[in-house]
Amino acid sequence: MAIGVLVLIVAFTIIPIVGSELDSAVTLGATSDWNASHNTNIPTGVDLWTSVGGILKVGGIIVVVAGFLRTLQGMRQGA
């Protein structure tokens, strides 16, 4: 369970840094369909990370609750 918490901490620390580096890695032409100032309907890395981050938080909560229930189950069977 501690490894899962560590993975969540690393993910929330590293992924935004990598995303910002990817966004600034390539210079696009002014009329490119992938240019955010020309095409305003393109999802940004921040939008994507906001939605994925919420899913990861829920997954983390589920893992913690499942670990707690497994601990209770082990205590019950051991007694």
N, C-alpha and C. Protein backbone atom coordinates (compact mmCIF):
# COMPACT_ATOMS: atom_id res chain seq x y z
N MET A 1 0.83 -1.18 0.00
CA MET A 1 0.00 0.00 0.00
C MET A 1 0.88 1.25 0.00
N ALA A 2 2.01 1.18 0.69
CA ALA A 2 2.91 2.33 0.73
C ALA A 2 3.48 2.62 -0.66
N ILE A 3 3.69 1.57 -1.44
CA ILE A 3 4.21 1.77 -2.79
C ILE A 3 3.18 2.50 -3.64
N GLY A 4 1.91 2.17 -3.48
CA GLY A 4 0.86 2.86 -4.23
C GLY A 4 0.80 4.34 -3.90
N VAL A 5 0.93 4.68 -2.61
CA VAL A 5 0.94 6.08 -2.20
C VAL A 5 2.16 6.79 -2.78
N LEU A 6 3.30 6.12 -2.77
CA LEU A 6 4.51 6.70 -3.34
C LEU A 6 4.35 6.93 -4.84
N VAL A 7 3.73 5.99 -5.54
CA VAL A 7 3.49 6.16 -6.98
C VAL A 7 2.59 7.35 -7.24
N LEU A 8 1.55 7.53 -6.44
CA LEU A 8 0.67 8.69 -6.61
C LEU A 8 1.42 10.00 -6.38
N ILE A 9 2.27 10.04 -5.37
CA ILE A 9 3.05 11.25 -5.10
C ILE A 9 3.98 11.55 -6.26
N VAL A 10 4.66 10.54 -6.76
CA VAL A 10 5.56 10.73 -7.90
C VAL A 10 4.78 11.17 -9.14
N ALA A 11 3.63 10.55 -9.37
CA ALA A 11 2.83 10.89 -10.54
C ALA A 11 2.37 12.34 -10.49
N PHE A 12 1.89 12.79 -9.33
CA PHE A 12 1.42 14.16 -9.22
C PHE A 12 2.56 15.17 -9.21
N THR A 13 3.78 14.72 -8.98
CA THR A 13 4.94 15.62 -9.01
C THR A 13 5.59 15.67 -10.38
N ILE A 14 5.78 14.53 -11.02
CA ILE A 14 6.55 14.45 -12.25
C ILE A 14 5.73 14.72 -13.50
N ILE A 15 4.53 14.20 -13.59
CA ILE A 15 3.76 14.30 -14.83
C ILE A 15 3.49 15.74 -15.27
N PRO A 16 3.12 16.66 -14.37
CA PRO A 16 2.95 18.05 -14.85
C PRO A 16 4.23 18.67 -15.41
N ILE A 17 5.37 18.30 -14.84
CA ILE A 17 6.64 18.82 -15.35
C ILE A 17 6.91 18.28 -16.74
N VAL A 18 6.68 17.00 -16.95
CA VAL A 18 6.89 16.39 -18.26
C VAL A 18 5.91 16.99 -19.28
N GLY A 19 4.67 17.20 -18.87
CA GLY A 19 3.68 17.79 -19.77
C GLY A 19 4.05 19.19 -20.22
N SER A 20 4.58 20.00 -19.31
CA SER A 20 4.97 21.36 -19.71
C SER A 20 6.16 21.33 -20.65
N GLU A 21 7.06 20.37 -20.46
CA GLU A 21 8.20 20.24 -21.37
C GLU A 21 7.74 19.81 -22.76
N LEU A 22 6.76 18.91 -22.82
CA LEU A 22 6.25 18.47 -24.11
C LEU A 22 5.51 19.59 -24.84
N ASP A 23 4.77 20.40 -24.09
CA ASP A 23 4.05 21.51 -24.71
C ASP A 23 4.99 22.52 -25.34
N SER A 24 6.15 22.72 -24.74
CA SER A 24 7.09 23.71 -25.27
C SER A 24 8.17 23.10 -26.16
N ALA A 25 8.08 21.80 -26.47
CA ALA A 25 9.14 21.12 -27.23
C ALA A 25 9.14 21.48 -28.71
N VAL A 26 7.99 21.77 -29.28
CA VAL A 26 7.89 21.99 -30.72
C VAL A 26 7.24 23.35 -30.97
N THR A 27 7.81 24.10 -31.91
CA THR A 27 7.20 25.36 -32.32
C THR A 27 6.32 25.10 -33.53
N LEU A 28 5.07 25.51 -33.46
CA LEU A 28 4.11 25.27 -34.54
C LEU A 28 3.90 26.53 -35.36
N GLY A 29 3.55 26.35 -36.61
CA GLY A 29 3.25 27.48 -37.47
C GLY A 29 1.98 28.19 -37.03
N ALA A 30 1.82 29.44 -37.44
CA ALA A 30 0.68 30.25 -37.00
C ALA A 30 -0.65 29.69 -37.50
N THR A 31 -0.67 29.02 -38.64
CA THR A 31 -1.93 28.51 -39.19
C THR A 31 -2.08 27.00 -39.02
N SER A 32 -1.24 26.39 -38.20
CA SER A 32 -1.32 24.95 -37.97
C SER A 32 -2.59 24.62 -37.19
N ASP A 33 -3.21 23.50 -37.54
CA ASP A 33 -4.41 23.06 -36.81
C ASP A 33 -4.08 22.67 -35.37
N TRP A 34 -2.82 22.42 -35.08
CA TRP A 34 -2.40 22.05 -33.74
C TRP A 34 -1.96 23.25 -32.91
N ASN A 35 -2.01 24.44 -33.48
CA ASN A 35 -1.65 25.65 -32.76
C ASN A 35 -2.85 26.11 -31.94
N ALA A 36 -2.68 26.26 -30.63
CA ALA A 36 -3.79 26.60 -29.74
C ALA A 36 -4.34 27.99 -29.99
N SER A 37 -3.53 28.90 -30.52
CA SER A 37 -4.05 30.24 -30.80
C SER A 37 -4.86 30.26 -32.10
N HIS A 38 -4.61 29.31 -33.00
CA HIS A 38 -5.36 29.21 -34.26
C HIS A 38 -6.61 28.34 -34.08
N ASN A 39 -6.48 27.23 -33.38
CA ASN A 39 -7.58 26.30 -33.13
C ASN A 39 -7.82 26.24 -31.63
N THR A 40 -8.86 26.88 -31.15
CA THR A 40 -9.09 26.97 -29.70
C THR A 40 -9.80 25.75 -29.13
N ASN A 41 -10.14 24.76 -29.93
CA ASN A 41 -10.83 23.56 -29.45
C ASN A 41 -9.89 22.43 -29.06
N ILE A 42 -8.58 22.69 -29.08
CA ILE A 42 -7.61 21.65 -28.74
C ILE A 42 -7.54 21.51 -27.22
N PRO A 43 -7.67 20.29 -26.69
CA PRO A 43 -7.51 20.12 -25.25
C PRO A 43 -6.04 20.33 -24.86
N THR A 44 -5.84 20.99 -23.76
CA THR A 44 -4.47 21.24 -23.30
C THR A 44 -4.04 20.14 -22.34
N GLY A 45 -2.76 20.11 -22.06
CA GLY A 45 -2.24 19.14 -21.10
C GLY A 45 -2.83 19.35 -19.72
N VAL A 46 -3.09 20.60 -19.37
CA VAL A 46 -3.68 20.90 -18.07
C VAL A 46 -5.09 20.33 -17.98
N ASP A 47 -5.88 20.49 -19.04
CA ASP A 47 -7.24 19.93 -19.05
C ASP A 47 -7.21 18.42 -18.89
N LEU A 48 -6.33 17.78 -19.63
CA LEU A 48 -6.22 16.32 -19.57
C LEU A 48 -5.75 15.87 -18.19
N TRP A 49 -4.77 16.55 -17.64
CA TRP A 49 -4.24 16.16 -16.34
C TRP A 49 -5.28 16.38 -15.24
N THR A 50 -6.10 17.41 -15.37
CA THR A 50 -7.15 17.66 -14.39
C THR A 50 -8.13 16.50 -14.34
N SER A 51 -8.52 15.99 -15.50
CA SER A 51 -9.47 14.88 -15.51
C SER A 51 -8.80 13.57 -15.08
N VAL A 52 -7.59 13.32 -15.49
CA VAL A 52 -6.89 12.09 -15.12
C VAL A 52 -6.51 12.12 -13.64
N GLY A 53 -6.16 13.30 -13.14
CA GLY A 53 -5.78 13.42 -11.73
C GLY A 53 -6.91 13.03 -10.80
N GLY A 54 -8.13 13.42 -11.15
CA GLY A 54 -9.28 13.05 -10.33
C GLY A 54 -9.49 11.55 -10.30
N ILE A 55 -9.31 10.91 -11.44
CA ILE A 55 -9.46 9.46 -11.50
C ILE A 55 -8.38 8.77 -10.66
N LEU A 56 -7.16 9.29 -10.71
CA LEU A 56 -6.08 8.71 -9.90
C LEU A 56 -6.35 8.87 -8.41
N LYS A 57 -6.91 9.99 -8.01
CA LYS A 57 -7.23 10.20 -6.59
C LYS A 57 -8.28 9.19 -6.13
N VAL A 58 -9.31 9.00 -6.94
CA VAL A 58 -10.35 8.02 -6.58
C VAL A 58 -9.74 6.62 -6.51
N GLY A 59 -8.90 6.29 -7.46
CA GLY A 59 -8.23 4.98 -7.44
C GLY A 59 -7.37 4.81 -6.20
N GLY A 60 -6.67 5.87 -5.80
CA GLY A 60 -5.87 5.81 -4.58
C GLY A 60 -6.71 5.58 -3.34
N ILE A 61 -7.84 6.25 -3.27
CA ILE A 61 -8.74 6.06 -2.13
C ILE A 61 -9.25 4.63 -2.09
N ILE A 62 -9.60 4.08 -3.25
CA ILE A 62 -10.08 2.70 -3.31
C ILE A 62 -9.00 1.73 -2.85
N VAL A 63 -7.76 1.98 -3.24
CA VAL A 63 -6.65 1.10 -2.84
C VAL A 63 -6.44 1.16 -1.33
N VAL A 64 -6.50 2.35 -0.75
CA VAL A 64 -6.33 2.48 0.70
C VAL A 64 -7.45 1.77 1.45
N VAL A 65 -8.69 1.96 1.02
CA VAL A 65 -9.82 1.30 1.68
C VAL A 65 -9.71 -0.22 1.53
N ALA A 66 -9.32 -0.69 0.35
CA ALA A 66 -9.17 -2.13 0.14
C ALA A 66 -8.07 -2.70 1.04
N GLY A 67 -6.97 -1.98 1.18
CA GLY A 67 -5.91 -2.43 2.07
C GLY A 67 -6.36 -2.48 3.52
N PHE A 68 -7.15 -1.51 3.93
CA PHE A 68 -7.69 -1.50 5.28
C PHE A 68 -8.62 -2.69 5.50
N LEU A 69 -9.47 -2.97 4.52
CA LEU A 69 -10.39 -4.11 4.65
C LEU A 69 -9.63 -5.44 4.68
N ARG A 70 -8.56 -5.54 3.89
CA ARG A 70 -7.75 -6.77 3.92
C ARG A 70 -7.10 -6.96 5.28
N THR A 71 -6.66 -5.85 5.87
CA THR A 71 -6.06 -5.92 7.20
C THR A 71 -7.09 -6.39 8.22
N LEU A 72 -8.29 -5.84 8.15
CA LEU A 72 -9.35 -6.29 9.07
C LEU A 72 -9.68 -7.76 8.86
N GLN A 73 -9.71 -8.19 7.62
CA GLN A 73 -10.03 -9.58 7.32
C GLN A 73 -8.93 -10.50 7.87
N GLY A 74 -7.69 -10.09 7.73
CA GLY A 74 -6.58 -10.90 8.27
C GLY A 74 -6.61 -10.97 9.79
N MET A 75 -7.00 -9.88 10.44
CA MET A 75 -7.12 -9.88 11.91
C MET A 75 -8.25 -10.81 12.35
N ARG A 76 -9.32 -10.84 11.58
CA ARG A 76 -10.48 -11.66 11.93
C ARG A 76 -10.14 -13.14 11.78
N GLN A 77 -9.43 -13.51 10.71
CA GLN A 77 -9.09 -14.90 10.48
C GLN A 77 -8.01 -15.38 11.44
N GLY A 78 -7.17 -14.48 11.87
CA GLY A 78 -6.09 -14.86 12.79
C GLY A 78 -6.57 -15.10 14.21
N ALA A 79 -7.73 -14.55 14.57
CA ALA A 79 -8.21 -14.67 15.95
C ALA A 79 -8.96 -15.96 16.19
